[in-house]
Structure formats: C-alpha cells, structure tokens
Amino acid sequence: NVAKNTSGYDIKDLVVGSEGTLCIATKLRMRLIHPPKV
C-alpha cells in the first residue's frame, strides 16, 4: 500500500490475470477514487 514501488519483479501484476493457475488470492486491497458528480 505505497504510491511507488520498483522493488524487484512485480509479482502482483503477474498474478493479476493468471486465472488461478499460479496462486489463490485470499485478501485483496483495492483502490478507490472519488466519484463523478455528473
């Protein structure tokens, strides 16, 4: 949960989209944004 990270290989982005063939996610921290007004 940091704004920038170049600490080694980005395993998180490799796992995203891997269709459960590499590991099973059990907790996910998801980003939120401010909603549009219109």
Full PDB file with SEQRES, HELIX, SHEET, SSBOND, CRYST1, ORIGX, SCALE, CONECT and MASTER records, all heavy atoms in Angstrom:
SEQRES   1 A   38  ASN VAL ALA LYS ASN THR SER GLY TYR ASP ILE LYS ASP          
SEQRES   2 A   38  LEU VAL VAL GLY SER GLU GLY THR LEU CYS ILE ALA THR          
SEQRES   3 A   38  LYS LEU ARG MET ARG LEU ILE HIS PRO PRO LYS VAL              
HELIX    1 AA1 ILE A   11  VAL A   15  1                                   5    
CRYST1    1.000    1.000    1.000  90.00  90.00  90.00 P 1           1          
ORIGX1      1.000000  0.000000  0.000000        0.00000                         
ORIGX2      0.000000  1.000000  0.000000        0.00000                         
ORIGX3      0.000000  0.000000  1.000000        0.00000                         
SCALE1      1.000000  0.000000  0.000000        0.00000                         
SCALE2      0.000000  1.000000  0.000000        0.00000                         
SCALE3      0.000000  0.000000  1.000000        0.00000                         
ATOM      1  N   ASN A   1       0.827  -1.199   0.000  1.00  0.00           N  
ATOM      2  CA  ASN A   1       0.000   0.000   0.000  1.00  0.00           C  
ATOM      3  C   ASN A   1       0.867   1.256   0.000  1.00  0.00           C  
ATOM      4  O   ASN A   1       0.822   2.076   0.917  1.00  0.00           O  
ATOM      5  CB  ASN A   1      -0.938  -0.009   1.212  1.00  0.00           C  
ATOM      6  CG  ASN A   1      -2.059   1.007   1.079  1.00  0.00           C  
ATOM      7  OD1 ASN A   1      -2.307   1.526   0.000  1.00  0.00           O  
ATOM      8  ND2 ASN A   1      -2.735   1.296   2.179  1.00  0.00           N  
ATOM      9  N   VAL A   2       1.693   1.382  -1.035  1.00  0.00           N  
ATOM     10  CA  VAL A   2       2.521   2.574  -1.218  1.00  0.00           C  
ATOM     11  C   VAL A   2       2.245   3.154  -2.595  1.00  0.00           C  
ATOM     12  O   VAL A   2       1.719   2.480  -3.478  1.00  0.00           O  
ATOM     13  CB  VAL A   2       4.025   2.252  -1.076  1.00  0.00           C  
ATOM     14  CG1 VAL A   2       4.336   1.756   0.327  1.00  0.00           C  
ATOM     15  CG2 VAL A   2       4.460   1.206  -2.112  1.00  0.00           C  
ATOM     16  N   ALA A   3       2.614   4.418  -2.778  1.00  0.00           N  
ATOM     17  CA  ALA A   3       2.322   5.099  -4.039  1.00  0.00           C  
ATOM     18  C   ALA A   3       3.281   4.692  -5.155  1.00  0.00           C  
ATOM     19  O   ALA A   3       2.913   4.703  -6.332  1.00  0.00           O  
ATOM     20  CB  ALA A   3       2.361   6.609  -3.840  1.00  0.00           C  
ATOM     21  N   LYS A   4       4.517   4.313  -4.802  1.00  0.00           N  
ATOM     22  CA  LYS A   4       5.519   3.947  -5.812  1.00  0.00           C  
ATOM     23  C   LYS A   4       6.272   2.713  -5.335  1.00  0.00           C  
ATOM     24  O   LYS A   4       6.489   2.536  -4.136  1.00  0.00           O  
ATOM     25  CB  LYS A   4       6.509   5.095  -6.041  1.00  0.00           C  
ATOM     26  CG  LYS A   4       5.888   6.349  -6.596  1.00  0.00           C  
ATOM     27  CD  LYS A   4       6.858   7.515  -6.556  1.00  0.00           C  
ATOM     28  CE  LYS A   4       8.003   7.333  -7.526  1.00  0.00           C  
ATOM     29  NZ  LYS A   4       8.921   8.507  -7.504  1.00  0.00           N  
ATOM     30  N   ASN A   5       6.677   1.885  -6.293  1.00  0.00           N  
ATOM     31  CA  ASN A   5       7.392   0.673  -5.899  1.00  0.00           C  
ATOM     32  C   ASN A   5       8.137   0.104  -7.098  1.00  0.00           C  
ATOM     33  O   ASN A   5       7.522  -0.310  -8.083  1.00  0.00           O  
ATOM     34  CB  ASN A   5       6.414  -0.362  -5.346  1.00  0.00           C  
ATOM     35  CG  ASN A   5       7.111  -1.616  -4.836  1.00  0.00           C  
ATOM     36  OD1 ASN A   5       8.337  -1.656  -4.767  1.00  0.00           O  
ATOM     37  ND2 ASN A   5       6.346  -2.627  -4.495  1.00  0.00           N  
ATOM     38  N   THR A   6       9.466   0.093  -7.013  1.00  0.00           N  
ATOM     39  CA  THR A   6      10.268  -0.592  -8.029  1.00  0.00           C  
ATOM     40  C   THR A   6      11.178  -1.613  -7.357  1.00  0.00           C  
ATOM     41  O   THR A   6      12.318  -1.826  -7.761  1.00  0.00           O  
ATOM     42  CB  THR A   6      11.117   0.409  -8.844  1.00  0.00           C  
ATOM     43  OG1 THR A   6      11.984   1.134  -7.946  1.00  0.00           O  
ATOM     44  CG2 THR A   6      10.232   1.391  -9.586  1.00  0.00           C  
ATOM     45  N   SER A   7      10.661  -2.243  -6.310  1.00  0.00           N  
ATOM     46  CA  SER A   7      11.453  -3.171  -5.501  1.00  0.00           C  
ATOM     47  C   SER A   7      11.345  -4.588  -6.061  1.00  0.00           C  
ATOM     48  O   SER A   7      10.554  -5.407  -5.591  1.00  0.00           O  
ATOM     49  CB  SER A   7      10.968  -3.139  -4.051  1.00  0.00           C  
ATOM     50  OG  SER A   7      10.936  -1.814  -3.555  1.00  0.00           O  
ATOM     51  N   GLY A   8      12.147  -4.874  -7.066  1.00  0.00           N  
ATOM     52  CA  GLY A   8      12.159  -6.218  -7.628  1.00  0.00           C  
ATOM     53  C   GLY A   8      11.057  -6.436  -8.654  1.00  0.00           C  
ATOM     54  O   GLY A   8      10.398  -5.505  -9.119  1.00  0.00           O  
ATOM     55  N   TYR A   9      10.856  -7.683  -9.027  1.00  0.00           N  
ATOM     56  CA  TYR A   9       9.840  -8.031 -10.013  1.00  0.00           C  
ATOM     57  C   TYR A   9       8.441  -7.729  -9.476  1.00  0.00           C  
ATOM     58  O   TYR A   9       8.169  -7.895  -8.286  1.00  0.00           O  
ATOM     59  CB  TYR A   9       9.919  -9.517 -10.366  1.00  0.00           C  
ATOM     60  CG  TYR A   9      11.227  -9.942 -10.987  1.00  0.00           C  
ATOM     61  CD1 TYR A   9      11.918 -11.051 -10.492  1.00  0.00           C  
ATOM     62  CD2 TYR A   9      11.783  -9.244 -12.048  1.00  0.00           C  
ATOM     63  CE1 TYR A   9      13.118 -11.449 -11.055  1.00  0.00           C  
ATOM     64  CE2 TYR A   9      12.981  -9.632 -12.617  1.00  0.00           C  
ATOM     65  CZ  TYR A   9      13.653 -10.736 -12.119  1.00  0.00           C  
ATOM     66  OH  TYR A   9      14.834 -11.127 -12.671  1.00  0.00           O  
ATOM     67  N   ASP A  10       7.569  -7.316 -10.345  1.00  0.00           N  
ATOM     68  CA  ASP A  10       6.194  -7.003  -9.935  1.00  0.00           C  
ATOM     69  C   ASP A  10       5.347  -8.270 -10.020  1.00  0.00           C  
ATOM     70  O   ASP A  10       4.679  -8.530 -11.017  1.00  0.00           O  
ATOM     71  CB  ASP A  10       5.609  -5.902 -10.821  1.00  0.00           C  
ATOM     72  CG  ASP A  10       4.332  -5.313 -10.245  1.00  0.00           C  
ATOM     73  OD1 ASP A  10       3.707  -5.992  -9.408  1.00  0.00           O  
ATOM     74  OD2 ASP A  10       3.957  -4.200 -10.634  1.00  0.00           O  
ATOM     75  N   ILE A  11       5.404  -9.074  -8.972  1.00  0.00           N  
ATOM     76  CA  ILE A  11       4.674 -10.340  -8.951  1.00  0.00           C  
ATOM     77  C   ILE A  11       3.172 -10.097  -8.918  1.00  0.00           C  
ATOM     78  O   ILE A  11       2.383 -10.865  -9.489  1.00  0.00           O  
ATOM     79  CB  ILE A  11       5.112 -11.201  -7.749  1.00  0.00           C  
ATOM     80  CG1 ILE A  11       6.628 -11.435  -7.774  1.00  0.00           C  
ATOM     81  CG2 ILE A  11       4.371 -12.531  -7.761  1.00  0.00           C  
ATOM     82  CD1 ILE A  11       7.123 -12.164  -8.992  1.00  0.00           C  
ATOM     83  N   LYS A  12       2.761  -9.020  -8.258  1.00  0.00           N  
ATOM     84  CA  LYS A  12       1.334  -8.721  -8.160  1.00  0.00           C  
ATOM     85  C   LYS A  12       0.698  -8.599  -9.542  1.00  0.00           C  
ATOM     86  O   LYS A  12      -0.343  -9.215  -9.817  1.00  0.00           O  
ATOM     87  CB  LYS A  12       1.129  -7.438  -7.354  1.00  0.00           C  
ATOM     88  CG  LYS A  12      -0.321  -7.059  -7.116  1.00  0.00           C  
ATOM     89  CD  LYS A  12      -0.775  -5.913  -8.008  1.00  0.00           C  
ATOM     90  CE  LYS A  12      -0.041  -4.640  -7.765  1.00  0.00           C  
ATOM     91  NZ  LYS A  12      -0.506  -3.562  -8.678  1.00  0.00           N  
ATOM     92  N   ASP A  13       1.328  -7.861 -10.426  1.00  0.00           N  
ATOM     93  CA  ASP A  13       0.746  -7.693 -11.759  1.00  0.00           C  
ATOM     94  C   ASP A  13       0.868  -8.944 -12.610  1.00  0.00           C  
ATOM     95  O   ASP A  13       0.113  -9.127 -13.561  1.00  0.00           O  
ATOM     96  CB  ASP A  13       1.397  -6.504 -12.483  1.00  0.00           C  
ATOM     97  CG  ASP A  13       0.685  -5.203 -12.172  1.00  0.00           C  
ATOM     98  OD1 ASP A  13      -0.302  -5.232 -11.409  1.00  0.00           O  
ATOM     99  OD2 ASP A  13       1.107  -4.148 -12.684  1.00  0.00           O  
ATOM    100  N   LEU A  14       1.803  -9.829 -12.276  1.00  0.00           N  
ATOM    101  CA  LEU A  14       1.882 -11.117 -12.959  1.00  0.00           C  
ATOM    102  C   LEU A  14       0.724 -12.014 -12.533  1.00  0.00           C  
ATOM    103  O   LEU A  14       0.101 -12.698 -13.355  1.00  0.00           O  
ATOM    104  CB  LEU A  14       3.214 -11.799 -12.639  1.00  0.00           C  
ATOM    105  CG  LEU A  14       3.406 -13.222 -13.176  1.00  0.00           C  
ATOM    106  CD1 LEU A  14       3.377 -13.240 -14.701  1.00  0.00           C  
ATOM    107  CD2 LEU A  14       4.713 -13.818 -12.662  1.00  0.00           C  
ATOM    108  N   VAL A  15       0.400 -11.975 -11.247  1.00  0.00           N  
ATOM    109  CA  VAL A  15      -0.673 -12.816 -10.725  1.00  0.00           C  
ATOM    110  C   VAL A  15      -2.037 -12.340 -11.220  1.00  0.00           C  
ATOM    111  O   VAL A  15      -2.920 -13.149 -11.535  1.00  0.00           O  
ATOM    112  CB  VAL A  15      -0.619 -12.837  -9.182  1.00  0.00           C  
ATOM    113  CG1 VAL A  15      -1.883 -13.452  -8.606  1.00  0.00           C  
ATOM    114  CG2 VAL A  15       0.604 -13.624  -8.719  1.00  0.00           C  
ATOM    115  N   VAL A  16      -2.229 -11.009 -11.299  1.00  0.00           N  
ATOM    116  CA  VAL A  16      -3.490 -10.486 -11.828  1.00  0.00           C  
ATOM    117  C   VAL A  16      -3.654 -10.985 -13.271  1.00  0.00           C  
ATOM    118  O   VAL A  16      -2.767 -10.808 -14.101  1.00  0.00           O  
ATOM    119  CB  VAL A  16      -3.515  -8.946 -11.799  1.00  0.00           C  
ATOM    120  CG1 VAL A  16      -4.777  -8.421 -12.493  1.00  0.00           C  
ATOM    121  CG2 VAL A  16      -3.455  -8.434 -10.376  1.00  0.00           C  
ATOM    122  N   GLY A  17      -4.754 -11.636 -13.559  1.00  0.00           N  
ATOM    123  CA  GLY A  17      -4.980 -12.178 -14.891  1.00  0.00           C  
ATOM    124  C   GLY A  17      -4.467 -13.593 -15.090  1.00  0.00           C  
ATOM    125  O   GLY A  17      -4.577 -14.137 -16.194  1.00  0.00           O  
ATOM    126  N   SER A  18      -3.928 -14.218 -14.045  1.00  0.00           N  
ATOM    127  CA  SER A  18      -3.348 -15.562 -14.196  1.00  0.00           C  
ATOM    128  C   SER A  18      -4.371 -16.676 -14.047  1.00  0.00           C  
ATOM    129  O   SER A  18      -4.032 -17.855 -14.123  1.00  0.00           O  
ATOM    130  CB  SER A  18      -2.222 -15.770 -13.175  1.00  0.00           C  
ATOM    131  OG  SER A  18      -2.721 -15.715 -11.852  1.00  0.00           O  
ATOM    132  N   GLU A  19      -5.625 -16.334 -13.823  1.00  0.00           N  
ATOM    133  CA  GLU A  19      -6.744 -17.285 -13.835  1.00  0.00           C  
ATOM    134  C   GLU A  19      -6.606 -18.421 -12.824  1.00  0.00           C  
ATOM    135  O   GLU A  19      -7.004 -19.560 -13.079  1.00  0.00           O  
ATOM    136  CB  GLU A  19      -6.960 -17.842 -15.248  1.00  0.00           C  
ATOM    137  CG  GLU A  19      -7.246 -16.745 -16.279  1.00  0.00           C  
ATOM    138  CD  GLU A  19      -7.640 -17.303 -17.632  1.00  0.00           C  
ATOM    139  OE1 GLU A  19      -8.420 -18.263 -17.681  1.00  0.00           O  
ATOM    140  OE2 GLU A  19      -7.166 -16.750 -18.642  1.00  0.00           O  
ATOM    141  N   GLY A  20      -6.030 -18.113 -11.675  1.00  0.00           N  
ATOM    142  CA  GLY A  20      -5.935 -19.124 -10.627  1.00  0.00           C  
ATOM    143  C   GLY A  20      -4.971 -20.248 -10.926  1.00  0.00           C  
ATOM    144  O   GLY A  20      -5.039 -21.301 -10.288  1.00  0.00           O  
ATOM    145  N   THR A  21      -4.052 -20.050 -11.856  1.00  0.00           N  
ATOM    146  CA  THR A  21      -3.083 -21.101 -12.183  1.00  0.00           C  
ATOM    147  C   THR A  21      -1.795 -20.965 -11.393  1.00  0.00           C  
ATOM    148  O   THR A  21      -0.981 -21.899 -11.377  1.00  0.00           O  
ATOM    149  CB  THR A  21      -2.735 -21.083 -13.686  1.00  0.00           C  
ATOM    150  OG1 THR A  21      -2.139 -19.818 -14.011  1.00  0.00           O  
ATOM    151  CG2 THR A  21      -3.974 -21.293 -14.537  1.00  0.00           C  
ATOM    152  N   LEU A  22      -1.570 -19.816 -10.746  1.00  0.00           N  
ATOM    153  CA  LEU A  22      -0.324 -19.588 -10.024  1.00  0.00           C  
ATOM    154  C   LEU A  22      -0.527 -19.580  -8.509  1.00  0.00           C  
ATOM    155  O   LEU A  22       0.352 -19.995  -7.761  1.00  0.00           O  
ATOM    156  CB  LEU A  22       0.309 -18.256 -10.460  1.00  0.00           C  
ATOM    157  CG  LEU A  22       0.580 -18.092 -11.956  1.00  0.00           C  
ATOM    158  CD1 LEU A  22       1.229 -16.743 -12.234  1.00  0.00           C  
ATOM    159  CD2 LEU A  22       1.442 -19.226 -12.494  1.00  0.00           C  
ATOM    160  N   CYS A  23      -1.649 -19.069  -8.037  1.00  0.00           N  
ATOM    161  CA  CYS A  23      -1.928 -18.982  -6.612  1.00  0.00           C  
ATOM    162  C   CYS A  23      -3.405 -18.642  -6.430  1.00  0.00           C  
ATOM    163  O   CYS A  23      -4.114 -18.381  -7.409  1.00  0.00           O  
ATOM    164  CB  CYS A  23      -1.040 -17.921  -5.939  1.00  0.00           C  
ATOM    165  SG  CYS A  23      -1.195 -16.282  -6.686  1.00  0.00           S  
ATOM    166  N   ILE A  24      -3.857 -18.638  -5.175  1.00  0.00           N  
ATOM    167  CA  ILE A  24      -5.242 -18.307  -4.847  1.00  0.00           C  
ATOM    168  C   ILE A  24      -5.244 -17.052  -3.985  1.00  0.00           C  
ATOM    169  O   ILE A  24      -4.635 -17.033  -2.904  1.00  0.00           O  
ATOM    170  CB  ILE A  24      -5.934 -19.458  -4.089  1.00  0.00           C  
ATOM    171  CG1 ILE A  24      -5.932 -20.730  -4.935  1.00  0.00           C  
ATOM    172  CG2 ILE A  24      -7.361 -19.074  -3.716  1.00  0.00           C  
ATOM    173  CD1 ILE A  24      -6.470 -21.944  -4.207  1.00  0.00           C  
ATOM    174  N   ALA A  25      -5.909 -16.001  -4.437  1.00  0.00           N  
ATOM    175  CA  ALA A  25      -5.991 -14.762  -3.662  1.00  0.00           C  
ATOM    176  C   ALA A  25      -6.986 -14.945  -2.516  1.00  0.00           C  
ATOM    177  O   ALA A  25      -8.091 -15.459  -2.720  1.00  0.00           O  
ATOM    178  CB  ALA A  25      -6.425 -13.603  -4.553  1.00  0.00           C  
ATOM    179  N   THR A  26      -6.592 -14.527  -1.315  1.00  0.00           N  
ATOM    180  CA  THR A  26      -7.472 -14.648  -0.154  1.00  0.00           C  
ATOM    181  C   THR A  26      -7.827 -13.290   0.462  1.00  0.00           C  
ATOM    182  O   THR A  26      -8.802 -13.191   1.192  1.00  0.00           O  
ATOM    183  CB  THR A  26      -6.842 -15.550   0.926  1.00  0.00           C  
ATOM    184  OG1 THR A  26      -5.508 -15.091   1.201  1.00  0.00           O  
ATOM    185  CG2 THR A  26      -6.785 -16.992   0.440  1.00  0.00           C  
ATOM    186  N   LYS A  27      -7.023 -12.271   0.198  1.00  0.00           N  
ATOM    187  CA  LYS A  27      -7.362 -10.901   0.584  1.00  0.00           C  
ATOM    188  C   LYS A  27      -6.859  -9.973  -0.523  1.00  0.00           C  
ATOM    189  O   LYS A  27      -5.767 -10.181  -1.070  1.00  0.00           O  
ATOM    190  CB  LYS A  27      -6.723 -10.501   1.910  1.00  0.00           C  
ATOM    191  CG  LYS A  27      -7.323 -11.149   3.146  1.00  0.00           C  
ATOM    192  CD  LYS A  27      -6.760 -10.532   4.422  1.00  0.00           C  
ATOM    193  CE  LYS A  27      -7.330 -11.216   5.664  1.00  0.00           C  
ATOM    194  NZ  LYS A  27      -6.868 -12.598   5.827  1.00  0.00           N  
ATOM    195  N   LEU A  28      -7.643  -8.944  -0.810  1.00  0.00           N  
ATOM    196  CA  LEU A  28      -7.303  -8.023  -1.895  1.00  0.00           C  
ATOM    197  C   LEU A  28      -7.506  -6.588  -1.420  1.00  0.00           C  
ATOM    198  O   LEU A  28      -8.588  -6.249  -0.927  1.00  0.00           O  
ATOM    199  CB  LEU A  28      -8.195  -8.285  -3.114  1.00  0.00           C  
ATOM    200  CG  LEU A  28      -8.042  -9.669  -3.752  1.00  0.00           C  
ATOM    201  CD1 LEU A  28      -9.321 -10.094  -4.448  1.00  0.00           C  
ATOM    202  CD2 LEU A  28      -6.875  -9.656  -4.729  1.00  0.00           C  
ATOM    203  N   ARG A  29      -6.480  -5.777  -1.530  1.00  0.00           N  
ATOM    204  CA  ARG A  29      -6.630  -4.349  -1.250  1.00  0.00           C  
ATOM    205  C   ARG A  29      -6.880  -3.640  -2.570  1.00  0.00           C  
ATOM    206  O   ARG A  29      -6.029  -3.647  -3.464  1.00  0.00           O  
ATOM    207  CB  ARG A  29      -5.389  -3.778  -0.557  1.00  0.00           C  
ATOM    208  CG  ARG A  29      -5.553  -2.292  -0.178  1.00  0.00           C  
ATOM    209  CD  ARG A  29      -4.355  -1.770   0.596  1.00  0.00           C  
ATOM    210  NE  ARG A  29      -4.253  -2.342   1.928  1.00  0.00           N  
ATOM    211  CZ  ARG A  29      -4.869  -1.867   3.001  1.00  0.00           C  
ATOM    212  NH1 ARG A  29      -5.672  -0.799   2.892  1.00  0.00           N  
ATOM    213  NH2 ARG A  29      -4.714  -2.448   4.165  1.00  0.00           N  
ATOM    214  N   MET A  30      -8.068  -3.042  -2.696  1.00  0.00           N  
ATOM    215  CA  MET A  30      -8.499  -2.449  -3.952  1.00  0.00           C  
ATOM    216  C   MET A  30      -8.537  -0.923  -3.849  1.00  0.00           C  
ATOM    217  O   MET A  30      -8.956  -0.358  -2.834  1.00  0.00           O  
ATOM    218  CB  MET A  30      -9.890  -2.972  -4.321  1.00  0.00           C  
ATOM    219  CG  MET A  30     -10.018  -4.497  -4.323  1.00  0.00           C  
ATOM    220  SD  MET A  30      -8.883  -5.348  -5.434  1.00  0.00           S  
ATOM    221  CE  MET A  30      -9.568  -4.856  -7.025  1.00  0.00           C  
ATOM    222  N   ARG A  31      -8.101  -0.277  -4.907  1.00  0.00           N  
ATOM    223  CA  ARG A  31      -8.064   1.184  -4.954  1.00  0.00           C  
ATOM    224  C   ARG A  31      -9.458   1.753  -5.190  1.00  0.00           C  
ATOM    225  O   ARG A  31     -10.241   1.202  -5.964  1.00  0.00           O  
ATOM    226  CB  ARG A  31      -7.120   1.638  -6.072  1.00  0.00           C  
ATOM    227  CG  ARG A  31      -6.916   3.151  -6.144  1.00  0.00           C  
ATOM    228  CD  ARG A  31      -5.723   3.470  -7.023  1.00  0.00           C  
ATOM    229  NE  ARG A  31      -5.995   3.214  -8.430  1.00  0.00           N  
ATOM    230  CZ  ARG A  31      -6.435   4.127  -9.292  1.00  0.00           C  
ATOM    231  NH1 ARG A  31      -6.677   5.358  -8.892  1.00  0.00           N  
ATOM    232  NH2 ARG A  31      -6.630   3.806 -10.559  1.00  0.00           N  
ATOM    233  N   LEU A  32      -9.745   2.861  -4.564  1.00  0.00           N  
ATOM    234  CA  LEU A  32     -10.991   3.597  -4.745  1.00  0.00           C  
ATOM    235  C   LEU A  32     -10.672   4.995  -5.270  1.00  0.00           C  
ATOM    236  O   LEU A  32      -9.548   5.476  -5.111  1.00  0.00           O  
ATOM    237  CB  LEU A  32     -11.746   3.712  -3.410  1.00  0.00           C  
ATOM    238  CG  LEU A  32     -11.975   2.404  -2.651  1.00  0.00           C  
ATOM    239  CD1 LEU A  32     -12.435   2.688  -1.231  1.00  0.00           C  
ATOM    240  CD2 LEU A  32     -12.988   1.528  -3.376  1.00  0.00           C  
ATOM    241  N   ILE A  33     -11.628   5.635  -5.889  1.00  0.00           N  
ATOM    242  CA  ILE A  33     -11.446   7.007  -6.354  1.00  0.00           C  
ATOM    243  C   ILE A  33     -12.676   7.826  -5.967  1.00  0.00           C  
ATOM    244  O   ILE A  33     -13.679   7.292  -5.494  1.00  0.00           O  
ATOM    245  CB  ILE A  33     -11.205   7.082  -7.881  1.00  0.00           C  
ATOM    246  CG1 ILE A  33     -12.448   6.629  -8.646  1.00  0.00           C  
ATOM    247  CG2 ILE A  33      -9.978   6.276  -8.282  1.00  0.00           C  
ATOM    248  CD1 ILE A  33     -12.325   6.829 -10.163  1.00  0.00           C  
ATOM    249  N   HIS A  34     -12.576   9.138  -6.173  1.00  0.00           N  
ATOM    250  CA  HIS A  34     -13.735   9.987  -5.922  1.00  0.00           C  
ATOM    251  C   HIS A  34     -14.723   9.826  -7.082  1.00  0.00           C  
ATOM    252  O   HIS A  34     -14.328   9.741  -8.243  1.00  0.00           O  
ATOM    253  CB  HIS A  34     -13.304  11.443  -5.793  1.00  0.00           C  
ATOM    254  CG  HIS A  34     -12.471  11.695  -4.569  1.00  0.00           C  
ATOM    255  ND1 HIS A  34     -12.991  11.639  -3.296  1.00  0.00           N  
ATOM    256  CD2 HIS A  34     -11.147  11.968  -4.431  1.00  0.00           C  
ATOM    257  CE1 HIS A  34     -12.030  11.877  -2.422  1.00  0.00           C  
ATOM    258  NE2 HIS A  34     -10.904  12.077  -3.079  1.00  0.00           N  
ATOM    259  N   PRO A  35     -16.006   9.792  -6.785  1.00  0.00           N  
ATOM    260  CA  PRO A  35     -16.991   9.544  -7.847  1.00  0.00           C  
ATOM    261  C   PRO A  35     -17.234  10.782  -8.700  1.00  0.00           C  
ATOM    262  O   PRO A  35     -17.059  11.918  -8.231  1.00  0.00           O  
ATOM    263  CB  PRO A  35     -18.263   9.191  -7.063  1.00  0.00           C  
ATOM    264  CG  PRO A  35     -18.111   9.944  -5.778  1.00  0.00           C  
ATOM    265  CD  PRO A  35     -16.638   9.940  -5.465  1.00  0.00           C  
ATOM    266  N   PRO A  36     -17.627  10.591  -9.950  1.00  0.00           N  
ATOM    267  CA  PRO A  36     -18.035  11.747 -10.766  1.00  0.00           C  
ATOM    268  C   PRO A  36     -19.341  12.319 -10.225  1.00  0.00           C  
ATOM    269  O   PRO A  36     -20.175  11.589  -9.684  1.00  0.00           O  
ATOM    270  CB  PRO A  36     -18.217  11.135 -12.153  1.00  0.00           C  
ATOM    271  CG  PRO A  36     -18.565   9.705 -11.889  1.00  0.00           C  
ATOM    272  CD  PRO A  36     -17.803   9.316 -10.653  1.00  0.00           C  
ATOM    273  N   LYS A  37     -19.507  13.622 -10.366  1.00  0.00           N  
ATOM    274  CA  LYS A  37     -20.736  14.251  -9.871  1.00  0.00           C  
ATOM    275  C   LYS A  37     -21.853  14.192 -10.911  1.00  0.00           C  
ATOM    276  O   LYS A  37     -23.032  14.218 -10.561  1.00  0.00           O  
ATOM    277  CB  LYS A  37     -20.450  15.705  -9.506  1.00  0.00           C  
ATOM    278  CG  LYS A  37     -19.520  15.835  -8.312  1.00  0.00           C  
ATOM    279  CD  LYS A  37     -19.383  17.261  -7.860  1.00  0.00           C  
ATOM    280  CE  LYS A  37     -18.652  17.282  -6.522  1.00  0.00           C  
ATOM    281  NZ  LYS A  37     -17.448  17.986  -6.503  1.00  0.00           N  
ATOM    282  N   VAL A  38     -21.466  14.105 -12.191  1.00  0.00           N  
ATOM    283  CA  VAL A  38     -22.459  14.119 -13.270  1.00  0.00           C  
ATOM    284  C   VAL A  38     -22.088  13.046 -14.286  1.00  0.00           C  
ATOM    285  O   VAL A  38     -20.904  12.844 -14.582  1.00  0.00           O  
ATOM    286  CB  VAL A  38     -22.514  15.495 -13.973  1.00  0.00           C  
ATOM    287  CG1 VAL A  38     -23.578  15.506 -15.070  1.00  0.00           C  
ATOM    288  CG2 VAL A  38     -22.763  16.609 -12.977  1.00  0.00           C  
TER     289      VAL A  38                                                      
MASTER        0    0    0    1    0    0    0    6  288    1    0    3          
END                                                                             
